[in-house]
């Protein structure tokens, strides 16, 4: 079931999501039932993520990079040095 869900997301098969959710909800594994329930709570966003061509991946990567720099500099520098590190970090 896990591989099937990964395929649905990778191939953007939003039309097959209902069938997968039904099978996951009826699964003997509590983890699948819980995951299916959480997907149903925000089903519109899940469907949008599986069908729309836009992605926040590049933005999330930049946010992650900035947070990493901020955490490594915590307590070591003032804003001016942090700014320089963010601007010139690769």
PDB file of N, CA and C in Angstrom:
ATOM      1  N   UNK A   1       0.810  -1.201   0.000  1.00  0.00           N
ATOM      2  CA  UNK A   1       0.000   0.000   0.000  1.00  0.00           C
ATOM      3  C   UNK A   1       0.852   1.263   0.000  1.00  0.00           C
ATOM      4  N   UNK A   2       1.975   1.211   0.683  1.00  0.00           N
ATOM      5  CA  UNK A   2       2.849   2.372   0.744  1.00  0.00           C
ATOM      6  C   UNK A   2       3.394   2.710  -0.630  1.00  0.00           C
ATOM      7  N   UNK A   3       3.863   1.701  -1.316  1.00  0.00           N
ATOM      8  CA  UNK A   3       4.415   1.914  -2.663  1.00  0.00           C
ATOM      9  C   UNK A   3       3.342   2.415  -3.630  1.00  0.00           C
ATOM     10  N   UNK A   4       2.139   1.922  -3.456  1.00  0.00           N
ATOM     11  CA  UNK A   4       1.039   2.359  -4.312  1.00  0.00           C
ATOM     12  C   UNK A   4       0.732   3.843  -4.082  1.00  0.00           C
ATOM     13  N   UNK A   5       0.731   4.266  -2.809  1.00  0.00           N
ATOM     14  CA  UNK A   5       0.486   5.681  -2.528  1.00  0.00           C
ATOM     15  C   UNK A   5       1.617   6.543  -3.088  1.00  0.00           C
ATOM     16  N   UNK A   6       2.843   6.084  -2.939  1.00  0.00           N
ATOM     17  CA  UNK A   6       3.987   6.823  -3.477  1.00  0.00           C
ATOM     18  C   UNK A   6       3.857   6.968  -4.992  1.00  0.00           C
ATOM     19  N   UNK A   7       3.405   5.923  -5.659  1.00  0.00           N
ATOM     20  CA  UNK A   7       3.207   5.988  -7.107  1.00  0.00           C
ATOM     21  C   UNK A   7       2.122   6.995  -7.460  1.00  0.00           C
ATOM     22  N   UNK A   8       1.026   6.992  -6.692  1.00  0.00           N
ATOM     23  CA  UNK A   8      -0.056   7.945  -6.945  1.00  0.00           C
ATOM     24  C   UNK A   8       0.447   9.389  -6.862  1.00  0.00           C
ATOM     25  N   UNK A   9       1.242   9.668  -5.855  1.00  0.00           N
ATOM     26  CA  UNK A   9       1.756  11.027  -5.677  1.00  0.00           C
ATOM     27  C   UNK A   9       2.766  11.354  -6.766  1.00  0.00           C
ATOM     28  N   UNK A  10       3.697  10.435  -7.011  1.00  0.00           N
ATOM     29  CA  UNK A  10       4.754  10.662  -8.008  1.00  0.00           C
ATOM     30  C   UNK A  10       4.178  10.865  -9.405  1.00  0.00           C
ATOM     31  N   UNK A  11       3.164  10.089  -9.754  1.00  0.00           N
ATOM     32  CA  UNK A  11       2.562  10.170 -11.088  1.00  0.00           C
ATOM     33  C   UNK A  11       1.363  11.114 -11.125  1.00  0.00           C
ATOM     34  N   UNK A  12       1.081  11.768 -10.002  1.00  0.00           N
ATOM     35  CA  UNK A  12      -0.012  12.743  -9.909  1.00  0.00           C
ATOM     36  C   UNK A  12      -1.361  12.145 -10.343  1.00  0.00           C
ATOM     37  N   UNK A  13      -1.702  11.021  -9.755  1.00  0.00           N
ATOM     38  CA  UNK A  13      -2.941  10.310 -10.064  1.00  0.00           C
ATOM     39  C   UNK A  13      -4.019  10.641  -9.030  1.00  0.00           C
ATOM     40  N   UNK A  14      -4.449  11.887  -9.000  1.00  0.00           N
ATOM     41  CA  UNK A  14      -5.451  12.320  -8.010  1.00  0.00           C
ATOM     42  C   UNK A  14      -6.772  11.597  -8.180  1.00  0.00           C
ATOM     43  N   UNK A  15      -7.078  11.161  -9.388  1.00  0.00           N
ATOM     44  CA  UNK A  15      -8.353  10.468  -9.625  1.00  0.00           C
ATOM     45  C   UNK A  15      -8.397   9.096  -8.960  1.00  0.00           C
ATOM     46  N   UNK A  16      -7.259   8.510  -8.631  1.00  0.00           N
ATOM     47  CA  UNK A  16      -7.213   7.205  -7.969  1.00  0.00           C
ATOM     48  C   UNK A  16      -7.133   7.320  -6.454  1.00  0.00           C
ATOM     49  N   UNK A  17      -7.129   8.551  -5.941  1.00  0.00           N
ATOM     50  CA  UNK A  17      -6.981   8.757  -4.498  1.00  0.00           C
ATOM     51  C   UNK A  17      -8.149   8.182  -3.702  1.00  0.00           C
ATOM     52  N   UNK A  18      -9.374   8.343  -4.193  1.00  0.00           N
ATOM     53  CA  UNK A  18     -10.543   7.833  -3.453  1.00  0.00           C
ATOM     54  C   UNK A  18     -10.451   6.335  -3.211  1.00  0.00           C
ATOM     55  N   UNK A  19     -10.094   5.592  -4.241  1.00  0.00           N
ATOM     56  CA  UNK A  19      -9.991   4.135  -4.099  1.00  0.00           C
ATOM     57  C   UNK A  19      -8.898   3.769  -3.094  1.00  0.00           C
ATOM     58  N   UNK A  20      -7.769   4.475  -3.150  1.00  0.00           N
ATOM     59  CA  UNK A  20      -6.683   4.184  -2.222  1.00  0.00           C
ATOM     60  C   UNK A  20      -7.102   4.511  -0.787  1.00  0.00           C
ATOM     61  N   UNK A  21      -7.792   5.628  -0.600  1.00  0.00           N
ATOM     62  CA  UNK A  21      -8.250   5.999   0.738  1.00  0.00           C
ATOM     63  C   UNK A  21      -9.220   4.971   1.305  1.00  0.00           C
ATOM     64  N   UNK A  22     -10.088   4.432   0.462  1.00  0.00           N
ATOM     65  CA  UNK A  22     -11.022   3.394   0.920  1.00  0.00           C
ATOM     66  C   UNK A  22     -10.270   2.150   1.378  1.00  0.00           C
ATOM     67  N   UNK A  23      -9.295   1.719   0.586  1.00  0.00           N
ATOM     68  CA  UNK A  23      -8.507   0.536   0.956  1.00  0.00           C
ATOM     69  C   UNK A  23      -7.710   0.797   2.233  1.00  0.00           C
ATOM     70  N   UNK A  24      -7.141   1.994   2.360  1.00  0.00           N
ATOM     71  CA  UNK A  24      -6.352   2.321   3.553  1.00  0.00           C
ATOM     72  C   UNK A  24      -7.244   2.391   4.790  1.00  0.00           C
ATOM     73  N   UNK A  25      -8.451   2.930   4.639  1.00  0.00           N
ATOM     74  CA  UNK A  25      -9.377   3.026   5.767  1.00  0.00           C
ATOM     75  C   UNK A  25      -9.841   1.651   6.232  1.00  0.00           C
ATOM     76  N   UNK A  26      -9.881   0.700   5.314  1.00  0.00           N
ATOM     77  CA  UNK A  26     -10.314  -0.661   5.652  1.00  0.00           C
ATOM     78  C   UNK A  26      -9.144  -1.571   6.021  1.00  0.00           C
ATOM     79  N   UNK A  27      -7.943  -1.053   6.029  1.00  0.00           N
ATOM     80  CA  UNK A  27      -6.747  -1.839   6.303  1.00  0.00           C
ATOM     81  C   UNK A  27      -6.723  -2.335   7.746  1.00  0.00           C
ATOM     82  N   UNK A  28      -6.038  -3.437   7.946  1.00  0.00           N
ATOM     83  CA  UNK A  28      -5.875  -3.978   9.300  1.00  0.00           C
ATOM     84  C   UNK A  28      -4.811  -3.203  10.068  1.00  0.00           C
ATOM     85  N   UNK A  29      -3.951  -2.490   9.344  1.00  0.00           N
ATOM     86  CA  UNK A  29      -2.871  -1.738   9.988  1.00  0.00           C
ATOM     87  C   UNK A  29      -3.384  -0.386  10.498  1.00  0.00           C
ATOM     88  N   UNK A  30      -3.245  -0.132  11.791  1.00  0.00           N
ATOM     89  CA  UNK A  30      -3.716   1.145  12.347  1.00  0.00           C
ATOM     90  C   UNK A  30      -3.022   2.357  11.719  1.00  0.00           C
ATOM     91  N   UNK A  31      -1.773   2.199  11.322  1.00  0.00           N
ATOM     92  CA  UNK A  31      -1.035   3.314  10.731  1.00  0.00           C
ATOM     93  C   UNK A  31      -1.686   3.761   9.420  1.00  0.00           C
ATOM     94  N   UNK A  32      -2.134   2.819   8.609  1.00  0.00           N
ATOM     95  CA  UNK A  32      -2.798   3.170   7.345  1.00  0.00           C
ATOM     96  C   UNK A  32      -4.141   3.839   7.605  1.00  0.00           C
ATOM     97  N   UNK A  33      -4.888   3.330   8.575  1.00  0.00           N
ATOM     98  CA  UNK A  33      -6.184   3.939   8.889  1.00  0.00           C
ATOM     99  C   UNK A  33      -5.996   5.370   9.386  1.00  0.00           C
ATOM    100  N   UNK A  34      -5.007   5.571  10.236  1.00  0.00           N
ATOM    101  CA  UNK A  34      -4.735   6.900  10.764  1.00  0.00           C
ATOM    102  C   UNK A  34      -4.264   7.846   9.658  1.00  0.00           C
ATOM    103  N   UNK A  35      -3.400   7.358   8.780  1.00  0.00           N
ATOM    104  CA  UNK A  35      -2.903   8.180   7.672  1.00  0.00           C
ATOM    105  C   UNK A  35      -4.043   8.559   6.729  1.00  0.00           C
ATOM    106  N   UNK A  36      -4.906   7.606   6.427  1.00  0.00           N
ATOM    107  CA  UNK A  36      -6.049   7.890   5.555  1.00  0.00           C
ATOM    108  C   UNK A  36      -6.968   8.929   6.194  1.00  0.00           C
ATOM    109  N   UNK A  37      -7.190   8.819   7.488  1.00  0.00           N
ATOM    110  CA  UNK A  37      -8.037   9.796   8.184  1.00  0.00           C
ATOM    111  C   UNK A  37      -7.418  11.192   8.138  1.00  0.00           C
ATOM    112  N   UNK A  38      -6.107  11.269   8.299  1.00  0.00           N
ATOM    113  CA  UNK A  38      -5.457  12.586   8.259  1.00  0.00           C
ATOM    114  C   UNK A  38      -5.489  13.170   6.849  1.00  0.00           C
ATOM    115  N   UNK A  39      -5.379  12.325   5.831  1.00  0.00           N
ATOM    116  CA  UNK A  39      -5.482  12.819   4.453  1.00  0.00           C
ATOM    117  C   UNK A  39      -6.895  13.317   4.160  1.00  0.00           C
ATOM    118  N   UNK A  40      -7.877  12.641   4.694  1.00  0.00           N
ATOM    119  CA  UNK A  40      -9.272  13.061   4.474  1.00  0.00           C
ATOM    120  C   UNK A  40      -9.576  14.408   5.133  1.00  0.00           C
ATOM    121  N   UNK A  41      -8.914  14.701   6.261  1.00  0.00           N
ATOM    122  CA  UNK A  41      -9.143  15.977   6.942  1.00  0.00           C
ATOM    123  C   UNK A  41      -8.727  17.164   6.082  1.00  0.00           C
ATOM    124  N   UNK A  42      -7.737  16.971   5.222  1.00  0.00           N
ATOM    125  CA  UNK A  42      -7.288  18.057   4.353  1.00  0.00           C
ATOM    126  C   UNK A  42      -7.232  17.557   2.905  1.00  0.00           C
ATOM    127  N   UNK A  43      -8.303  16.900   2.514  1.00  0.00           N
ATOM    128  CA  UNK A  43      -8.340  16.249   1.207  1.00  0.00           C
ATOM    129  C   UNK A  43      -8.201  17.242   0.049  1.00  0.00           C
ATOM    130  N   UNK A  44      -8.737  18.425   0.194  1.00  0.00           N
ATOM    131  CA  UNK A  44      -8.631  19.424  -0.887  1.00  0.00           C
ATOM    132  C   UNK A  44      -7.168  19.770  -1.154  1.00  0.00           C
ATOM    133  N   UNK A  45      -6.395  19.935  -0.094  1.00  0.00           N
ATOM    134  CA  UNK A  45      -4.978  20.254  -0.264  1.00  0.00           C
ATOM    135  C   UNK A  45      -4.218  19.071  -0.854  1.00  0.00           C
ATOM    136  N   UNK A  46      -4.565  17.869  -0.443  1.00  0.00           N
ATOM    137  CA  UNK A  46      -3.906  16.675  -0.974  1.00  0.00           C
ATOM    138  C   UNK A  46      -4.178  16.546  -2.468  1.00  0.00           C
ATOM    139  N   UNK A  47      -5.438  16.726  -2.840  1.00  0.00           N
ATOM    140  CA  UNK A  47      -5.789  16.655  -4.266  1.00  0.00           C
ATOM    141  C   UNK A  47      -5.094  17.752  -5.070  1.00  0.00           C
ATOM    142  N   UNK A  48      -5.024  18.954  -4.512  1.00  0.00           N
ATOM    143  CA  UNK A  48      -4.354  20.052  -5.204  1.00  0.00           C
ATOM    144  C   UNK A  48      -2.872  19.728  -5.397  1.00  0.00           C
ATOM    145  N   UNK A  49      -2.249  19.179  -4.373  1.00  0.00           N
ATOM    146  CA  UNK A  49      -0.842  18.802  -4.472  1.00  0.00           C
ATOM    147  C   UNK A  49      -0.588  17.717  -5.496  1.00  0.00           C
ATOM    148  N   UNK A  50      -1.582  16.858  -5.696  1.00  0.00           N
ATOM    149  CA  UNK A  50      -1.418  15.762  -6.653  1.00  0.00           C
ATOM    150  C   UNK A  50      -1.814  16.146  -8.071  1.00  0.00           C
ATOM    151  N   UNK A  51      -2.507  17.248  -8.237  1.00  0.00           N
ATOM    152  CA  UNK A  51      -2.991  17.564  -9.578  1.00  0.00           C
ATOM    153  C   UNK A  51      -2.452  18.872 -10.153  1.00  0.00           C
ATOM    154  N   UNK A  52      -2.082  19.822  -9.308  1.00  0.00           N
ATOM    155  CA  UNK A  52      -1.602  21.106  -9.814  1.00  0.00           C
ATOM    156  C   UNK A  52      -0.103  21.058 -10.109  1.00  0.00           C
ATOM    157  N   UNK A  53       0.346  21.819 -11.079  1.00  0.00           N
ATOM    158  CA  UNK A  53       1.764  21.759 -11.469  1.00  0.00           C
ATOM    159  C   UNK A  53       2.698  22.539 -10.543  1.00  0.00           C
ATOM    160  N   UNK A  54       2.150  23.334  -9.624  1.00  0.00           N
ATOM    161  CA  UNK A  54       3.005  24.163  -8.775  1.00  0.00           C
ATOM    162  C   UNK A  54       3.519  23.385  -7.584  1.00  0.00           C
ATOM    163  N   UNK A  55       4.679  23.804  -7.099  1.00  0.00           N
ATOM    164  CA  UNK A  55       5.293  23.167  -5.940  1.00  0.00           C
ATOM    165  C   UNK A  55       5.978  24.224  -5.082  1.00  0.00           C
ATOM    166  N   UNK A  56       5.948  24.030  -3.780  1.00  0.00           N
ATOM    167  CA  UNK A  56       6.657  24.929  -2.878  1.00  0.00           C
ATOM    168  C   UNK A  56       8.021  24.366  -2.503  1.00  0.00           C
ATOM    169  N   UNK A  57       8.434  23.313  -3.170  1.00  0.00           N
ATOM    170  CA  UNK A  57       9.714  22.670  -2.865  1.00  0.00           C
ATOM    171  C   UNK A  57      10.900  23.613  -2.857  1.00  0.00           C
ATOM    172  N   UNK A  58      11.106  24.414  -3.902  1.00  0.00           N
ATOM    173  CA  UNK A  58      12.253  25.329  -3.895  1.00  0.00           C
ATOM    174  C   UNK A  58      12.199  26.342  -2.749  1.00  0.00           C
ATOM    175  N   UNK A  59      11.015  26.836  -2.448  1.00  0.00           N
ATOM    176  CA  UNK A  59      10.871  27.797  -1.349  1.00  0.00           C
ATOM    177  C   UNK A  59      11.172  27.121  -0.016  1.00  0.00           C
ATOM    178  N   UNK A  60      10.665  25.910   0.174  1.00  0.00           N
ATOM    179  CA  UNK A  60      10.919  25.182   1.414  1.00  0.00           C
ATOM    180  C   UNK A  60      12.405  24.913   1.583  1.00  0.00           C
ATOM    181  N   UNK A  61      13.099  24.652   0.494  1.00  0.00           N
ATOM    182  CA  UNK A  61      14.545  24.439   0.560  1.00  0.00           C
ATOM    183  C   UNK A  61      15.273  25.681   1.036  1.00  0.00           C
ATOM    184  N   UNK A  62      14.867  26.839   0.538  1.00  0.00           N
ATOM    185  CA  UNK A  62      15.487  28.094   0.967  1.00  0.00           C
ATOM    186  C   UNK A  62      15.190  28.383   2.428  1.00  0.00           C
ATOM    187  N   UNK A  63      13.968  28.133   2.862  1.00  0.00           N
ATOM    188  CA  UNK A  63      13.610  28.348   4.259  1.00  0.00           C
ATOM    189  C   UNK A  63      14.452  27.447   5.160  1.00  0.00           C
ATOM    190  N   UNK A  64      14.615  26.197   4.752  1.00  0.00           N
ATOM    191  CA  UNK A  64      15.423  25.258   5.517  1.00  0.00           C
ATOM    192  C   UNK A  64      16.870  25.739   5.603  1.00  0.00           C
ATOM    193  N   UNK A  65      17.416  26.243   4.507  1.00  0.00           N
ATOM    194  CA  UNK A  65      18.799  26.750   4.477  1.00  0.00           C
ATOM    195  C   UNK A  65      18.948  27.947   5.427  1.00  0.00           C
ATOM    196  N   UNK A  66      17.997  28.865   5.374  1.00  0.00           N
ATOM    197  CA  UNK A  66      18.062  30.039   6.249  1.00  0.00           C
ATOM    198  C   UNK A  66      17.957  29.670   7.723  1.00  0.00           C
ATOM    199  N   UNK A  67      17.088  28.726   8.038  1.00  0.00           N
ATOM    200  CA  UNK A  67      16.948  28.300   9.427  1.00  0.00           C
ATOM    201  C   UNK A  67      18.223  27.624   9.925  1.00  0.00           C
ATOM    202  N   UNK A  68      18.873  26.856   9.063  1.00  0.00           N
ATOM    203  CA  UNK A  68      20.114  26.200   9.443  1.00  0.00           C
ATOM    204  C   UNK A  68      21.189  27.233   9.758  1.00  0.00           C
ATOM    205  N   UNK A  69      21.310  28.247   8.909  1.00  0.00           N
ATOM    206  CA  UNK A  69      22.292  29.307   9.156  1.00  0.00           C
ATOM    207  C   UNK A  69      21.969  30.027  10.460  1.00  0.00           C
ATOM    208  N   UNK A  70      20.712  30.347  10.660  1.00  0.00           N
ATOM    209  CA  UNK A  70      20.296  31.051  11.869  1.00  0.00           C
ATOM    210  C   UNK A  70      20.627  30.238  13.114  1.00  0.00           C
ATOM    211  N   UNK A  71      20.354  28.935  13.073  1.00  0.00           N
ATOM    212  CA  UNK A  71      20.616  28.084  14.237  1.00  0.00           C
ATOM    213  C   UNK A  71      22.104  27.966  14.522  1.00  0.00           C
ATOM    214  N   UNK A  72      22.920  27.876  13.483  1.00  0.00           N
ATOM    215  CA  UNK A  72      24.360  27.753  13.715  1.00  0.00           C
ATOM    216  C   UNK A  72      24.956  29.049  14.234  1.00  0.00           C
ATOM    217  N   UNK A  73      24.326  30.173  13.942  1.00  0.00           N
ATOM    218  CA  UNK A  73      24.840  31.468  14.378  1.00  0.00           C
ATOM    219  C   UNK A  73      24.222  31.930  15.699  1.00  0.00           C
ATOM    220  N   UNK A  74      23.281  31.184  16.244  1.00  0.00           N
ATOM    221  CA  UNK A  74      22.561  31.618  17.448  1.00  0.00           C
ATOM    222  C   UNK A  74      23.522  31.915  18.592  1.00  0.00           C
ATOM    223  N   UNK A  75      23.420  33.128  19.141  1.00  0.00           N
ATOM    224  CA  UNK A  75      24.232  33.511  20.268  1.00  0.00           C
ATOM    225  C   UNK A  75      25.661  33.884  19.925  1.00  0.00           C
ATOM    226  N   UNK A  76      26.037  33.841  18.650  1.00  0.00           N
ATOM    227  CA  UNK A  76      27.413  34.090  18.250  1.00  0.00           C
ATOM    228  C   UNK A  76      27.608  35.430  17.559  1.00  0.00           C
ATOM    229  N   UNK A  77      26.537  35.990  17.033  1.00  0.00           N
ATOM    230  CA  UNK A  77      26.717  37.189  16.242  1.00  0.00           C
ATOM    231  C   UNK A  77      25.476  38.055  16.292  1.00  0.00           C
ATOM    232  N   UNK A  78      25.675  39.298  15.900  1.00  0.00           N
ATOM    233  CA  UNK A  78      24.545  40.215  15.798  1.00  0.00           C
ATOM    234  C   UNK A  78      23.981  40.147  14.390  1.00  0.00           C
ATOM    235  N   UNK A  79      22.970  40.926  14.155  1.00  0.00           N
ATOM    236  CA  UNK A  79      22.243  40.880  12.892  1.00  0.00           C
ATOM    237  C   UNK A  79      23.131  41.163  11.673  1.00  0.00           C
ATOM    238  N   UNK A  80      24.107  42.062  11.795  1.00  0.00           N
ATOM    239  CA  UNK A  80      24.932  42.405  10.633  1.00  0.00           C
ATOM    240  C   UNK A  80      25.745  41.211  10.139  1.00  0.00           C
ATOM    241  N   UNK A  81      26.322  40.427  11.052  1.00  0.00           N
ATOM    242  CA  UNK A  81      27.081  39.250  10.636  1.00  0.00           C
ATOM    243  C   UNK A  81      26.153  38.156  10.108  1.00  0.00           C
ATOM    244  N   UNK A  82      25.011  38.001  10.740  1.00  0.00           N
ATOM    245  CA  UNK A  82      24.037  37.018  10.260  1.00  0.00           C
ATOM    246  C   UNK A  82      23.586  37.371   8.845  1.00  0.00           C
ATOM    247  N   UNK A  83      23.358  38.639   8.593  1.00  0.00           N
ATOM    248  CA  UNK A  83      22.956  39.100   7.261  1.00  0.00           C
ATOM    249  C   UNK A  83      24.026  38.766   6.227  1.00  0.00           C
ATOM    250  N   UNK A  84      25.270  39.021   6.559  1.00  0.00           N
ATOM    251  CA  UNK A  84      26.371  38.721   5.635  1.00  0.00           C
ATOM    252  C   UNK A  84      26.459  37.222   5.369  1.00  0.00           C
ATOM    253  N   UNK A  85      26.287  36.443   6.393  1.00  0.00           N
ATOM    254  CA  UNK A  85      26.362  34.986   6.239  1.00  0.00           C
ATOM    255  C   UNK A  85      25.247  34.478   5.320  1.00  0.00           C
ATOM    256  N   UNK A  86      24.035  35.014   5.478  1.00  0.00           N
ATOM    257  CA  UNK A  86      22.912  34.603   4.642  1.00  0.00           C
ATOM    258  C   UNK A  86      23.148  35.023   3.196  1.00  0.00           C
ATOM    259  N   UNK A  87      23.629  36.236   2.983  1.00  0.00           N
ATOM    260  CA  UNK A  87      23.823  36.747   1.620  1.00  0.00           C
ATOM    261  C   UNK A  87      24.924  36.021   0.869  1.00  0.00           C
ATOM    262  N   UNK A  88      25.986  35.613   1.588  1.00  0.00           N
ATOM    263  CA  UNK A  88      27.147  35.029   0.904  1.00  0.00           C
ATOM    264  C   UNK A  88      27.278  33.524   1.070  1.00  0.00           C
ATOM    265  N   UNK A  89      26.343  32.895   1.761  1.00  0.00           N
ATOM    266  CA  UNK A  89      26.392  31.440   1.929  1.00  0.00           C
ATOM    267  C   UNK A  89      26.019  30.776   0.606  1.00  0.00           C
ATOM    268  N   UNK A  90      26.682  29.710   0.334  1.00  0.00           N
ATOM    269  CA  UNK A  90      26.410  28.995  -0.924  1.00  0.00           C
ATOM    270  C   UNK A  90      25.241  28.074  -0.811  1.00  0.00           C
TER     271      UNK A  90
END
